[in-house]
Amino acid sequence: MFEKILLTLDGSHSSEVAIPYVEYLAGKMGSEVVLLHVHSESEPDAHLHQFYLSRTADAMKLRMKKRWKRKAGPRVRPEILTGEPAEVIHNYITKSAIDMVAMATHGSSGIKLWLLGSVADKIVRTANTPVLLVRSKSPLPETGKVKLVGRILLPLDGSDASRVAVPYALALAKKLEAGITLFRMAEKASYLMAHVVPYSRRRMEDYDWIDAVAVRESRSHLRGVKEQIRREGVPVTHVITLGADPAYEILQQERKVNADLVVMATRGKSQVEMWGLGSVAEKVLRQGDLPLLLVREPAG
């Protein structure tokens, strides 16, 4: 499922924050890595970018070969293309059968092309390929750390749309020998009634009953996913909370379950489409610390 990983680099130190994660994923999964830089036709120093990418590719090969001690050297190759970054990257993903895109969300090139809301946002919204977004504040691997990703947090909202992320989290967990924590927030009845049914005259005991039903339904939903994952031999746990803000609850679970990576869908179809990029996913990305693998719901 992850045979070819595309890592976008803009030449800045900020964009290189994704490199350790790509090295780890590619090393564990035996993936080919393509380092891609997109420059404008007016840039006079394209040859410097070629030198930079070649040097970066050689350094990655050396580190990966030393760490994983495989006879066949890791496949890392540079690629430089010209044009508008989002369009070029999107076309390359489609034509080159890319299985995962990795990019930093806080690059600092001259016109800040790699910021979320620009290139990364466009790629997440248009590509049918999972996108791994790594921020400059994401924790870097400790020297000699055996497992960079030992625990995957997989938020679900009960919709079929949010479950599109399950196969990807499962495939990663199997390849990385990691565990998965399923998470679902059941919305508090008091919040729901205050915002969706503002004139409700329900009593507090009614709220308690509705909360209990919501938790029970959430548990039933997660139990099915949990059994699916367990049958694949992957260690799995689940957490359910009552709350009003999904992003806040996910961020709390990042810390509580000691997760190393969050995997989630970018467009669910819950009552208020809580999981869409621009709402929950974006808040988790901007306010959290962990890398975030976003899986877009197929169009149509």
C-alpha atoms as a PDB file:
ATOM      1  CA  MET A   1       0.000   0.000   0.000  1.00  0.00           C
ATOM      2  CA  PHE A   2       2.919   2.377   0.616  1.00  0.00           C
ATOM      3  CA  GLU A   3       5.392   1.307  -2.063  1.00  0.00           C
ATOM      4  CA  LYS A   4       6.267   4.830  -3.212  1.00  0.00           C
ATOM      5  CA  ILE A   5       6.502   7.911  -0.971  1.00  0.00           C
ATOM      6  CA  LEU A   6       6.797  11.430  -2.363  1.00  0.00           C
ATOM      7  CA  LEU A   7       8.588  13.945  -0.128  1.00  0.00           C
ATOM      8  CA  THR A   8       8.266  17.571  -1.206  1.00  0.00           C
ATOM      9  CA  LEU A   9      11.143  19.904  -0.319  1.00  0.00           C
ATOM     10  CA  ASP A  10      11.439  23.628  -0.993  1.00  0.00           C
ATOM     11  CA  GLY A  11      15.083  24.019   0.004  1.00  0.00           C
ATOM     12  CA  SER A  12      14.381  25.407   3.470  1.00  0.00           C
ATOM     13  CA  HIS A  13      15.320  23.819   6.792  1.00  0.00           C
ATOM     14  CA  SER A  14      11.667  23.932   7.796  1.00  0.00           C
ATOM     15  CA  SER A  15      10.639  21.664   4.938  1.00  0.00           C
ATOM     16  CA  GLU A  16      13.218  19.086   6.060  1.00  0.00           C
ATOM     17  CA  VAL A  17      11.332  18.333   9.288  1.00  0.00           C
ATOM     18  CA  ALA A  18       9.517  15.531   7.445  1.00  0.00           C
ATOM     19  CA  ILE A  19      12.740  13.741   6.460  1.00  0.00           C
ATOM     20  CA  PRO A  20      13.186  11.632   9.651  1.00  0.00           C
ATOM     21  CA  TYR A  21       9.618  10.374   9.391  1.00  0.00           C
ATOM     22  CA  VAL A  22       9.990   9.482   5.723  1.00  0.00           C
ATOM     23  CA  GLU A  23      13.260   7.680   6.428  1.00  0.00           C
ATOM     24  CA  TYR A  24      11.604   5.678   9.171  1.00  0.00           C
ATOM     25  CA  LEU A  25       8.504   4.795   7.167  1.00  0.00           C
ATOM     26  CA  ALA A  26      10.446   3.933   4.026  1.00  0.00           C
ATOM     27  CA  GLY A  27      12.991   1.912   5.978  1.00  0.00           C
ATOM     28  CA  LYS A  28      10.370  -0.144   7.790  1.00  0.00           C
ATOM     29  CA  MET A  29       8.145  -0.618   4.752  1.00  0.00           C
ATOM     30  CA  GLY A  30      10.791  -0.925   2.027  1.00  0.00           C
ATOM     31  CA  SER A  31       9.305   2.025   0.149  1.00  0.00           C
ATOM     32  CA  GLU A  32      10.888   3.951  -2.682  1.00  0.00           C
ATOM     33  CA  VAL A  33      11.300   7.654  -1.872  1.00  0.00           C
ATOM     34  CA  VAL A  34      11.082  10.454  -4.418  1.00  0.00           C
ATOM     35  CA  LEU A  35      12.381  13.860  -3.351  1.00  0.00           C
ATOM     36  CA  LEU A  36      10.546  16.523  -5.325  1.00  0.00           C
ATOM     37  CA  HIS A  37      11.303  20.201  -5.696  1.00  0.00           C
ATOM     38  CA  VAL A  38       9.153  22.458  -7.856  1.00  0.00           C
ATOM     39  CA  HIS A  39      10.567  25.781  -9.006  1.00  0.00           C
ATOM     40  CA  SER A  40       9.312  28.582 -11.205  1.00  0.00           C
ATOM     41  CA  GLU A  41      10.636  29.103 -14.710  1.00  0.00           C
ATOM     42  CA  SER A  42      12.110  32.443 -13.659  1.00  0.00           C
ATOM     43  CA  GLU A  43      14.356  30.951 -10.950  1.00  0.00           C
ATOM     44  CA  PRO A  44      17.979  31.398 -12.066  1.00  0.00           C
ATOM     45  CA  ASP A  45      19.520  28.894  -9.647  1.00  0.00           C
ATOM     46  CA  ALA A  46      17.754  25.636 -10.553  1.00  0.00           C
ATOM     47  CA  HIS A  47      21.128  23.860 -10.652  1.00  0.00           C
ATOM     48  CA  LEU A  48      21.573  24.620  -6.948  1.00  0.00           C
ATOM     49  CA  HIS A  49      18.301  22.862  -6.185  1.00  0.00           C
ATOM     50  CA  GLN A  50      19.515  19.831  -8.121  1.00  0.00           C
ATOM     51  CA  PHE A  51      22.693  19.781  -6.061  1.00  0.00           C
ATOM     52  CA  TYR A  52      20.697  20.188  -2.847  1.00  0.00           C
ATOM     53  CA  LEU A  53      18.302  17.348  -3.676  1.00  0.00           C
ATOM     54  CA  SER A  54      21.098  15.016  -4.798  1.00  0.00           C
ATOM     55  CA  ARG A  55      23.027  15.685  -1.610  1.00  0.00           C
ATOM     56  CA  THR A  56      19.907  15.189   0.503  1.00  0.00           C
ATOM     57  CA  ALA A  57      19.094  11.915  -1.302  1.00  0.00           C
ATOM     58  CA  ASP A  58      22.633  10.596  -0.741  1.00  0.00           C
ATOM     59  CA  ALA A  59      22.505  11.476   2.958  1.00  0.00           C
ATOM     60  CA  MET A  60      19.134   9.763   3.355  1.00  0.00           C
ATOM     61  CA  LYS A  61      20.382   6.620   1.598  1.00  0.00           C
ATOM     62  CA  LEU A  62      23.417   6.472   3.874  1.00  0.00           C
ATOM     63  CA  ARG A  63      21.415   6.907   7.082  1.00  0.00           C
ATOM     64  CA  MET A  64      18.762   4.407   6.026  1.00  0.00           C
ATOM     65  CA  LYS A  65      21.268   1.810   4.904  1.00  0.00           C
ATOM     66  CA  LYS A  66      23.178   2.144   8.154  1.00  0.00           C
ATOM     67  CA  ARG A  67      20.036   1.903  10.284  1.00  0.00           C
ATOM     68  CA  TRP A  68      18.232  -0.912   8.501  1.00  0.00           C
ATOM     69  CA  LYS A  69      21.354  -2.866   7.453  1.00  0.00           C
ATOM     70  CA  ARG A  70      19.877  -4.208   4.232  1.00  0.00           C
ATOM     71  CA  LYS A  71      21.993  -5.593   1.392  1.00  0.00           C
ATOM     72  CA  ALA A  72      19.936  -3.766  -1.202  1.00  0.00           C
ATOM     73  CA  GLY A  73      20.340  -0.045  -0.670  1.00  0.00           C
ATOM     74  CA  PRO A  74      17.243   2.101  -0.114  1.00  0.00           C
ATOM     75  CA  ARG A  75      15.741   3.693  -3.190  1.00  0.00           C
ATOM     76  CA  VAL A  76      15.842   7.480  -2.890  1.00  0.00           C
ATOM     77  CA  ARG A  77      15.910   9.643  -5.989  1.00  0.00           C
ATOM     78  CA  PRO A  78      15.636  13.394  -6.607  1.00  0.00           C
ATOM     79  CA  GLU A  79      13.223  14.996  -9.057  1.00  0.00           C
ATOM     80  CA  ILE A  80      13.069  18.660 -10.070  1.00  0.00           C
ATOM     81  CA  LEU A  81      10.124  20.015 -12.017  1.00  0.00           C
ATOM     82  CA  THR A  82       8.993  23.437 -13.179  1.00  0.00           C
ATOM     83  CA  GLY A  83       5.632  25.107 -12.752  1.00  0.00           C
ATOM     84  CA  GLU A  84       2.992  26.005 -10.172  1.00  0.00           C
ATOM     85  CA  PRO A  85       3.751  23.782  -7.147  1.00  0.00           C
ATOM     86  CA  ALA A  86       0.271  22.495  -6.278  1.00  0.00           C
ATOM     87  CA  GLU A  87      -0.576  21.691  -9.885  1.00  0.00           C
ATOM     88  CA  VAL A  88       2.784  20.062 -10.597  1.00  0.00           C
ATOM     89  CA  ILE A  89       2.697  17.973  -7.418  1.00  0.00           C
ATOM     90  CA  HIS A  90      -0.884  16.867  -8.073  1.00  0.00           C
ATOM     91  CA  ASN A  91      -0.038  15.786 -11.631  1.00  0.00           C
ATOM     92  CA  TYR A  92       3.086  13.981 -10.472  1.00  0.00           C
ATOM     93  CA  ILE A  93       1.140  12.061  -7.816  1.00  0.00           C
ATOM     94  CA  THR A  94      -1.348  10.883 -10.438  1.00  0.00           C
ATOM     95  CA  LYS A  95       1.156   9.968 -13.153  1.00  0.00           C
ATOM     96  CA  SER A  96       3.742   8.334 -10.897  1.00  0.00           C
ATOM     97  CA  ALA A  97       1.444   6.124  -8.802  1.00  0.00           C
ATOM     98  CA  ILE A  98       2.448   7.756  -5.511  1.00  0.00           C
ATOM     99  CA  ASP A  99       1.083   5.978  -2.426  1.00  0.00           C
ATOM    100  CA  MET A 100       1.829   8.663   0.166  1.00  0.00           C
ATOM    101  CA  VAL A 101       2.817  12.318   0.054  1.00  0.00           C
ATOM    102  CA  ALA A 102       4.892  13.770   2.892  1.00  0.00           C
ATOM    103  CA  MET A 103       5.364  17.487   3.373  1.00  0.00           C
ATOM    104  CA  ALA A 104       6.112  20.073   6.020  1.00  0.00           C
ATOM    105  CA  THR A 105       3.359  22.562   6.705  1.00  0.00           C
ATOM    106  CA  HIS A 106       5.583  25.440   7.786  1.00  0.00           C
ATOM    107  CA  GLY A 107       8.162  25.841   5.036  1.00  0.00           C
ATOM    108  CA  SER A 108       9.825  29.205   4.586  1.00  0.00           C
ATOM    109  CA  SER A 109      10.692  29.620   0.947  1.00  0.00           C
ATOM    110  CA  GLY A 110      10.630  33.077  -0.535  1.00  0.00           C
ATOM    111  CA  ILE A 111       6.855  33.157  -1.008  1.00  0.00           C
ATOM    112  CA  LYS A 112       6.043  30.486   1.591  1.00  0.00           C
ATOM    113  CA  LEU A 113       4.658  28.045  -0.932  1.00  0.00           C
ATOM    114  CA  TRP A 114       4.431  25.116   1.451  1.00  0.00           C
ATOM    115  CA  LEU A 115       2.222  26.595   4.146  1.00  0.00           C
ATOM    116  CA  LEU A 116      -1.017  24.850   5.017  1.00  0.00           C
ATOM    117  CA  GLY A 117      -3.709  26.826   3.255  1.00  0.00           C
ATOM    118  CA  SER A 118      -1.601  26.879   0.094  1.00  0.00           C
ATOM    119  CA  VAL A 119       0.156  23.897  -1.447  1.00  0.00           C
ATOM    120  CA  ALA A 120      -0.444  21.394   1.358  1.00  0.00           C
ATOM    121  CA  ASP A 121      -4.091  22.375   1.594  1.00  0.00           C
ATOM    122  CA  LYS A 122      -4.603  22.044  -2.167  1.00  0.00           C
ATOM    123  CA  ILE A 123      -2.920  18.648  -2.278  1.00  0.00           C
ATOM    124  CA  VAL A 124      -5.007  17.316   0.621  1.00  0.00           C
ATOM    125  CA  ARG A 125      -8.204  18.568  -1.008  1.00  0.00           C
ATOM    126  CA  THR A 126      -7.505  17.236  -4.511  1.00  0.00           C
ATOM    127  CA  ALA A 127      -5.241  14.190  -4.338  1.00  0.00           C
ATOM    128  CA  ASN A 128      -6.619  10.702  -3.819  1.00  0.00           C
ATOM    129  CA  THR A 129      -3.425   9.874  -1.940  1.00  0.00           C
ATOM    130  CA  PRO A 130      -2.870  10.043   1.836  1.00  0.00           C
ATOM    131  CA  VAL A 131      -0.864  13.117   2.846  1.00  0.00           C
ATOM    132  CA  LEU A 132       1.480  13.082   5.824  1.00  0.00           C
ATOM    133  CA  LEU A 133       1.751  16.598   7.246  1.00  0.00           C
ATOM    134  CA  VAL A 134       4.641  17.263   9.612  1.00  0.00           C
ATOM    135  CA  ARG A 135       5.028  20.549  11.422  1.00  0.00           C
ATOM    136  CA  SER A 136       8.245  22.181  12.515  1.00  0.00           C
ATOM    137  CA  LYS A 137       7.228  21.552  16.139  1.00  0.00           C
ATOM    138  CA  SER A 138       6.611  17.832  15.612  1.00  0.00           C
ATOM    139  CA  PRO A 139       8.862  15.773  17.906  1.00  0.00           C
ATOM    140  CA  LEU A 140      12.041  14.636  16.200  1.00  0.00           C
ATOM    141  CA  PRO A 141      13.164  11.051  16.781  1.00  0.00           C
ATOM    142  CA  GLU A 142      15.450  10.454  19.698  1.00  0.00           C
ATOM    143  CA  THR A 143      18.894   9.203  18.818  1.00  0.00           C
ATOM    144  CA  GLY A 144      18.803   5.429  18.694  1.00  0.00           C
ATOM    145  CA  LYS A 145      15.053   5.264  19.260  1.00  0.00           C
ATOM    146  CA  VAL A 146      13.856   1.889  18.017  1.00  0.00           C
ATOM    147  CA  LYS A 147      10.282   2.902  17.259  1.00  0.00           C
ATOM    148  CA  LEU A 148       9.513   6.332  15.902  1.00  0.00           C
ATOM    149  CA  VAL A 149       5.866   5.290  15.501  1.00  0.00           C
ATOM    150  CA  GLY A 150       4.758   2.876  18.200  1.00  0.00           C
ATOM    151  CA  ARG A 151       1.189   4.088  18.726  1.00  0.00           C
ATOM    152  CA  ILE A 152      -1.286   5.373  16.106  1.00  0.00           C
ATOM    153  CA  LEU A 153      -4.297   7.427  17.177  1.00  0.00           C
ATOM    154  CA  LEU A 154      -7.259   6.839  14.861  1.00  0.00           C
ATOM    155  CA  PRO A 155     -10.212   9.214  15.470  1.00  0.00           C
ATOM    156  CA  LEU A 156     -13.585   8.142  14.076  1.00  0.00           C
ATOM    157  CA  ASP A 157     -16.936   9.944  14.152  1.00  0.00           C
ATOM    158  CA  GLY A 158     -19.255   7.052  13.378  1.00  0.00           C
ATOM    159  CA  SER A 159     -19.691   7.902   9.692  1.00  0.00           C
ATOM    160  CA  ASP A 160     -18.658   5.686   6.788  1.00  0.00           C
ATOM    161  CA  ALA A 161     -16.569   8.607   5.553  1.00  0.00           C
ATOM    162  CA  SER A 162     -14.348   8.655   8.621  1.00  0.00           C
ATOM    163  CA  ARG A 163     -13.698   4.918   8.226  1.00  0.00           C
ATOM    164  CA  VAL A 164     -11.794   5.443   4.976  1.00  0.00           C
ATOM    165  CA  ALA A 165      -8.757   6.036   7.191  1.00  0.00           C
ATOM    166  CA  VAL A 166      -8.998   2.607   8.864  1.00  0.00           C
ATOM    167  CA  PRO A 167      -7.253   0.512   6.142  1.00  0.00           C
ATOM    168  CA  TYR A 168      -4.359   2.971   6.025  1.00  0.00           C
ATOM    169  CA  ALA A 169      -3.886   3.026   9.794  1.00  0.00           C
ATOM    170  CA  LEU A 170      -4.077  -0.773   9.811  1.00  0.00           C
ATOM    171  CA  ALA A 171      -1.527  -1.151   7.003  1.00  0.00           C
ATOM    172  CA  LEU A 172       0.872   1.230   8.753  1.00  0.00           C
ATOM    173  CA  ALA A 173       0.452  -0.508  12.102  1.00  0.00           C
ATOM    174  CA  LYS A 174       1.246  -3.890  10.573  1.00  0.00           C
ATOM    175  CA  LYS A 175       4.315  -2.624   8.716  1.00  0.00           C
ATOM    176  CA  LEU A 176       5.606  -0.551  11.636  1.00  0.00           C
ATOM    177  CA  GLU A 177       4.696  -3.103  14.325  1.00  0.00           C
ATOM    178  CA  ALA A 178       2.683  -0.390  16.049  1.00  0.00           C
ATOM    179  CA  GLY A 179      -0.493  -0.421  18.103  1.00  0.00           C
ATOM    180  CA  ILE A 180      -3.685   1.507  17.351  1.00  0.00           C
ATOM    181  CA  THR A 181      -5.920   3.477  19.699  1.00  0.00           C
ATOM    182  CA  LEU A 182      -9.391   4.113  18.330  1.00  0.00           C
ATOM    183  CA  PHE A 183     -11.048   7.286  19.533  1.00  0.00           C
ATOM    184  CA  ARG A 184     -14.571   8.635  19.289  1.00  0.00           C
ATOM    185  CA  MET A 185     -16.155  11.643  20.931  1.00  0.00           C
ATOM    186  CA  ALA A 186     -19.834  11.302  21.799  1.00  0.00           C
ATOM    187  CA  GLU A 187     -21.390  14.763  21.684  1.00  0.00           C
ATOM    188  CA  LYS A 188     -22.861  15.962  24.976  1.00  0.00           C
ATOM    189  CA  ALA A 189     -26.621  16.237  24.905  1.00  0.00           C
ATOM    190  CA  SER A 190     -26.518  19.562  26.730  1.00  0.00           C
ATOM    191  CA  TYR A 191     -24.319  21.035  23.978  1.00  0.00           C
ATOM    192  CA  LEU A 192     -26.377  19.483  21.195  1.00  0.00           C
ATOM    193  CA  MET A 193     -29.639  20.791  22.598  1.00  0.00           C
ATOM    194  CA  ALA A 194     -28.252  24.256  23.246  1.00  0.00           C
ATOM    195  CA  HIS A 195     -26.924  24.636  19.685  1.00  0.00           C
ATOM    196  CA  VAL A 196     -29.088  22.415  17.513  1.00  0.00           C
ATOM    197  CA  VAL A 197     -32.370  22.594  19.441  1.00  0.00           C
ATOM    198  CA  PRO A 198     -32.040  25.932  21.266  1.00  0.00           C
ATOM    199  CA  TYR A 199     -35.576  25.956  22.638  1.00  0.00           C
ATOM    200  CA  SER A 200     -35.529  22.462  24.096  1.00  0.00           C
ATOM    201  CA  ARG A 201     -37.119  22.148  27.535  1.00  0.00           C
ATOM    202  CA  ARG A 202     -35.563  18.802  28.289  1.00  0.00           C
ATOM    203  CA  ARG A 203     -34.645  18.140  31.901  1.00  0.00           C
ATOM    204  CA  MET A 204     -31.113  17.270  33.024  1.00  0.00           C
ATOM    205  CA  GLU A 205     -32.080  13.651  33.607  1.00  0.00           C
ATOM    206  CA  ASP A 206     -33.080  13.479  29.936  1.00  0.00           C
ATOM    207  CA  TYR A 207     -29.608  14.732  29.019  1.00  0.00           C
ATOM    208  CA  ASP A 208     -28.019  12.011  31.129  1.00  0.00           C
ATOM    209  CA  TRP A 209     -30.073   9.383  29.333  1.00  0.00           C
ATOM    210  CA  ILE A 210     -29.173  10.755  25.897  1.00  0.00           C
ATOM    211  CA  ASP A 211     -25.488  10.870  26.879  1.00  0.00           C
ATOM    212  CA  ALA A 212     -25.618   7.237  27.969  1.00  0.00           C
ATOM    213  CA  VAL A 213     -27.186   6.221  24.656  1.00  0.00           C
ATOM    214  CA  ALA A 214     -24.550   8.190  22.700  1.00  0.00           C
ATOM    215  CA  VAL A 215     -21.717   6.486  24.589  1.00  0.00           C
ATOM    216  CA  ARG A 216     -23.320   3.077  24.099  1.00  0.00           C
ATOM    217  CA  GLU A 217     -23.677   3.658  20.342  1.00  0.00           C
ATOM    218  CA  SER A 218     -20.096   4.895  20.129  1.00  0.00           C
ATOM    219  CA  ARG A 219     -18.842   1.825  21.954  1.00  0.00           C
ATOM    220  CA  SER A 220     -20.797  -0.464  19.638  1.00  0.00           C
ATOM    221  CA  HIS A 221     -19.348   1.251  16.578  1.00  0.00           C
ATOM    222  CA  LEU A 222     -15.777   1.108  17.831  1.00  0.00           C
ATOM    223  CA  ARG A 223     -16.176  -2.512  18.882  1.00  0.00           C
ATOM    224  CA  GLY A 224     -16.744  -3.532  15.263  1.00  0.00           C
ATOM    225  CA  VAL A 225     -13.677  -1.646  14.044  1.00  0.00           C
ATOM    226  CA  LYS A 226     -11.664  -2.978  16.954  1.00  0.00           C
ATOM    227  CA  GLU A 227     -12.485  -6.587  16.055  1.00  0.00           C
ATOM    228  CA  GLN A 228     -11.526  -5.943  12.432  1.00  0.00           C
ATOM    229  CA  ILE A 229      -8.120  -4.644  13.506  1.00  0.00           C
ATOM    230  CA  ARG A 230      -7.596  -7.343  16.106  1.00  0.00           C
ATOM    231  CA  ARG A 231      -8.195 -10.066  13.494  1.00  0.00           C
ATOM    232  CA  GLU A 232      -5.204  -8.646  11.600  1.00  0.00           C
ATOM    233  CA  GLY A 233      -2.983  -9.237  14.620  1.00  0.00           C
ATOM    234  CA  VAL A 234      -2.549  -5.560  15.525  1.00  0.00           C
ATOM    235  CA  PRO A 235      -2.754  -4.501  19.204  1.00  0.00           C
ATOM    236  CA  VAL A 236      -5.738  -2.183  19.563  1.00  0.00           C
ATOM    237  CA  THR A 237      -7.479  -0.252  22.322  1.00  0.00           C
ATOM    238  CA  HIS A 238     -10.296   2.272  22.263  1.00  0.00           C
ATOM    239  CA  VAL A 239     -11.277   5.455  24.091  1.00  0.00           C
ATOM    240  CA  ILE A 240     -14.647   7.203  24.188  1.00  0.00           C
ATOM    241  CA  THR A 241     -15.238  10.624  25.709  1.00  0.00           C
ATOM    242  CA  LEU A 242     -18.231  12.907  26.110  1.00  0.00           C
ATOM    243  CA  GLY A 243     -17.516  16.369  24.811  1.00  0.00           C
ATOM    244  CA  ALA A 244     -18.454  19.294  22.594  1.00  0.00           C
ATOM    245  CA  ASP A 245     -15.230  20.008  20.674  1.00  0.00           C
ATOM    246  CA  PRO A 246     -13.840  17.049  18.665  1.00  0.00           C
ATOM    247  CA  ALA A 247     -10.501  18.722  17.944  1.00  0.00           C
ATOM    248  CA  TYR A 248      -9.912  19.479  21.625  1.00  0.00           C
ATOM    249  CA  GLU A 249     -10.739  15.904  22.590  1.00  0.00           C
ATOM    250  CA  ILE A 250      -8.400  14.483  19.928  1.00  0.00           C
ATOM    251  CA  LEU A 251      -5.578  16.732  21.098  1.00  0.00           C
ATOM    252  CA  GLN A 252      -6.115  15.551  24.658  1.00  0.00           C
ATOM    253  CA  GLN A 253      -5.902  11.929  23.535  1.00  0.00           C
ATOM    254  CA  GLU A 254      -2.652  12.569  21.649  1.00  0.00           C
ATOM    255  CA  ARG A 255      -1.010  13.090  25.021  1.00  0.00           C
ATOM    256  CA  LYS A 256      -2.998  10.637  27.120  1.00  0.00           C
ATOM    257  CA  VAL A 257      -2.392   7.579  24.937  1.00  0.00           C
ATOM    258  CA  ASN A 258       1.216   8.544  24.078  1.00  0.00           C
ATOM    259  CA  ALA A 259       0.489   8.535  20.355  1.00  0.00           C
ATOM    260  CA  ASP A 260       3.223   9.131  17.782  1.00  0.00           C
ATOM    261  CA  LEU A 261       1.019   9.639  14.726  1.00  0.00           C
ATOM    262  CA  VAL A 262      -2.603  10.638  14.084  1.00  0.00           C
ATOM    263  CA  VAL A 263      -4.412   9.096  11.111  1.00  0.00           C
ATOM    264  CA  MET A 264      -7.794  10.518  10.175  1.00  0.00           C
ATOM    265  CA  ALA A 265     -10.179  11.182   7.301  1.00  0.00           C
ATOM    266  CA  THR A 266     -10.444  14.730   6.002  1.00  0.00           C
ATOM    267  CA  ARG A 267     -14.131  14.786   5.147  1.00  0.00           C
ATOM    268  CA  GLY A 268     -16.766  13.011   7.177  1.00  0.00           C
ATOM    269  CA  LYS A 269     -20.521  13.332   6.868  1.00  0.00           C
ATOM    270  CA  SER A 270     -21.565  13.600  10.474  1.00  0.00           C
ATOM    271  CA  GLN A 271     -24.341  16.009  11.415  1.00  0.00           C
ATOM    272  CA  VAL A 272     -22.156  19.081  11.118  1.00  0.00           C
ATOM    273  CA  GLU A 273     -19.367  17.527   8.990  1.00  0.00           C
ATOM    274  CA  MET A 274     -17.038  17.774  11.942  1.00  0.00           C
ATOM    275  CA  TRP A 275     -14.092  15.985  10.355  1.00  0.00           C
ATOM    276  CA  GLY A 276     -13.584  18.165   7.296  1.00  0.00           C
ATOM    277  CA  LEU A 277     -10.271  19.853   6.616  1.00  0.00           C
ATOM    278  CA  GLY A 278     -10.811  23.437   7.679  1.00  0.00           C
ATOM    279  CA  SER A 279     -12.498  22.351  10.894  1.00  0.00           C
ATOM    280  CA  VAL A 280     -11.394  19.436  13.070  1.00  0.00           C
ATOM    281  CA  ALA A 281      -8.489  18.167  10.984  1.00  0.00           C
ATOM    282  CA  GLU A 282      -7.071  21.648  10.574  1.00  0.00           C
ATOM    283  CA  LYS A 283      -7.414  22.424  14.287  1.00  0.00           C
ATOM    284  CA  VAL A 284      -5.654  19.168  15.156  1.00  0.00           C
ATOM    285  CA  LEU A 285      -2.873  20.046  12.753  1.00  0.00           C
ATOM    286  CA  ARG A 286      -2.434  23.640  13.903  1.00  0.00           C
ATOM    287  CA  GLN A 287      -2.750  23.056  17.647  1.00  0.00           C
ATOM    288  CA  GLY A 288      -1.252  19.604  18.096  1.00  0.00           C
ATOM    289  CA  ASP A 289       2.324  18.411  17.984  1.00  0.00           C
ATOM    290  CA  LEU A 290       2.132  15.105  16.163  1.00  0.00           C
ATOM    291  CA  PRO A 291       2.445  14.351  12.456  1.00  0.00           C
ATOM    292  CA  LEU A 292      -0.966  13.924  10.875  1.00  0.00           C
ATOM    293  CA  LEU A 293      -1.762  11.504   8.052  1.00  0.00           C
ATOM    294  CA  LEU A 294      -4.874  12.735   6.272  1.00  0.00           C
ATOM    295  CA  VAL A 295      -6.905  10.400   4.091  1.00  0.00           C
ATOM    296  CA  ARG A 296      -9.386  12.117   1.820  1.00  0.00           C
ATOM    297  CA  GLU A 297     -12.846  10.649   1.332  1.00  0.00           C
ATOM    298  CA  PRO A 298     -13.236   9.648  -2.349  1.00  0.00           C
ATOM    299  CA  ALA A 299     -15.362  12.083  -4.319  1.00  0.00           C
ATOM    300  CA  GLY A 300     -18.822  11.076  -5.391  1.00  0.00           C
END
